[in-house]
């Protein structure tokens, strides 16, 4: 199982702050695609990701037991 953490508008779109999925040995990019198929209103392609609290690129493989977080852009002034 992979635990996916969702923040800000991602929570609003999915109605969840975390999702557990049975995909392992998928890349971050593949999980983004899977999430977009499950929630068509999401757009994760330009979203930052972290695996086990370390920033991760789309080619990083996510293993069973890992935590993947999608981090929306933050704006401020």
Protein backbone atom coordinates (compact mmCIF):
# COMPACT_ATOMS: atom_id res chain seq x y z
CA UNK A 1 0.00 0.00 0.00
CA UNK A 2 1.05 3.55 -0.75
CA UNK A 3 -0.27 6.42 1.34
CA UNK A 4 -0.95 9.56 -0.71
CA UNK A 5 -1.24 12.86 1.14
CA UNK A 6 -3.26 15.68 -0.41
CA UNK A 7 -3.17 19.35 0.55
CA UNK A 8 -5.14 22.55 -0.16
CA UNK A 9 -7.29 22.43 -3.30
CA UNK A 10 -6.40 18.76 -3.86
CA UNK A 11 -8.33 17.97 -0.67
CA UNK A 12 -11.24 20.03 -1.91
CA UNK A 13 -11.37 18.25 -5.27
CA UNK A 14 -11.10 14.72 -3.85
CA UNK A 15 -12.85 15.30 -0.54
CA UNK A 16 -9.96 13.49 1.16
CA UNK A 17 -6.74 14.44 2.89
CA UNK A 18 -5.18 11.07 2.22
CA UNK A 19 -5.75 8.11 -0.04
CA UNK A 20 -4.33 4.61 0.31
CA UNK A 21 -3.76 2.72 -2.93
CA UNK A 22 -2.54 -0.76 -3.74
CA UNK A 23 -0.09 0.35 -6.42
CA UNK A 24 3.58 -0.20 -5.70
CA UNK A 25 6.67 -0.05 -7.87
CA UNK A 26 4.98 2.66 -9.92
CA UNK A 27 6.74 5.92 -10.67
CA UNK A 28 5.51 9.22 -9.29
CA UNK A 29 4.48 10.12 -12.86
CA UNK A 30 2.44 6.93 -13.24
CA UNK A 31 0.68 7.59 -9.94
CA UNK A 32 -0.10 11.14 -11.10
CA UNK A 33 -1.74 9.65 -14.21
CA UNK A 34 -3.66 7.13 -12.09
CA UNK A 35 -4.90 9.91 -9.77
CA UNK A 36 -6.00 12.03 -12.73
CA UNK A 37 -7.96 9.06 -14.10
CA UNK A 38 -9.66 8.58 -10.72
CA UNK A 39 -10.31 12.30 -10.28
CA UNK A 40 -10.57 13.88 -13.76
CA UNK A 41 -10.82 17.38 -12.30
CA UNK A 42 -7.26 17.08 -10.90
CA UNK A 43 -4.25 18.36 -12.78
CA UNK A 44 -1.08 17.01 -11.20
CA UNK A 45 1.39 17.25 -14.08
CA UNK A 46 3.07 20.43 -12.79
CA UNK A 47 2.64 19.56 -9.13
CA UNK A 48 5.61 19.05 -6.80
CA UNK A 49 5.81 15.63 -5.17
CA UNK A 50 7.62 14.21 -2.17
CA UNK A 51 8.25 10.57 -1.34
CA UNK A 52 8.87 9.91 2.34
CA UNK A 53 9.33 13.64 2.97
CA UNK A 54 11.96 14.13 0.22
CA UNK A 55 11.22 15.97 -3.01
CA UNK A 56 10.81 13.53 -5.88
CA UNK A 57 10.77 13.78 -9.66
CA UNK A 58 8.27 11.91 -11.84
CA UNK A 59 10.73 9.07 -12.51
CA UNK A 60 11.17 8.07 -8.84
CA UNK A 61 9.70 4.65 -8.04
CA UNK A 62 7.27 4.53 -5.12
CA UNK A 63 7.45 1.31 -3.09
CA UNK A 64 5.00 -0.48 -0.83
CA UNK A 65 4.81 1.35 2.51
CA UNK A 66 5.97 4.70 1.09
CA UNK A 67 4.16 7.98 1.61
CA UNK A 68 3.70 10.17 -1.44
CA UNK A 69 2.63 13.79 -1.00
CA UNK A 70 1.44 16.13 -3.72
CA UNK A 71 2.28 19.73 -2.90
CA UNK A 72 0.31 22.43 -4.69
CA UNK A 73 2.02 25.69 -5.64
CA UNK A 74 1.86 28.36 -2.98
CA UNK A 75 1.50 32.01 -3.82
CA UNK A 76 1.75 34.93 -1.55
CA UNK A 77 3.05 38.38 -1.26
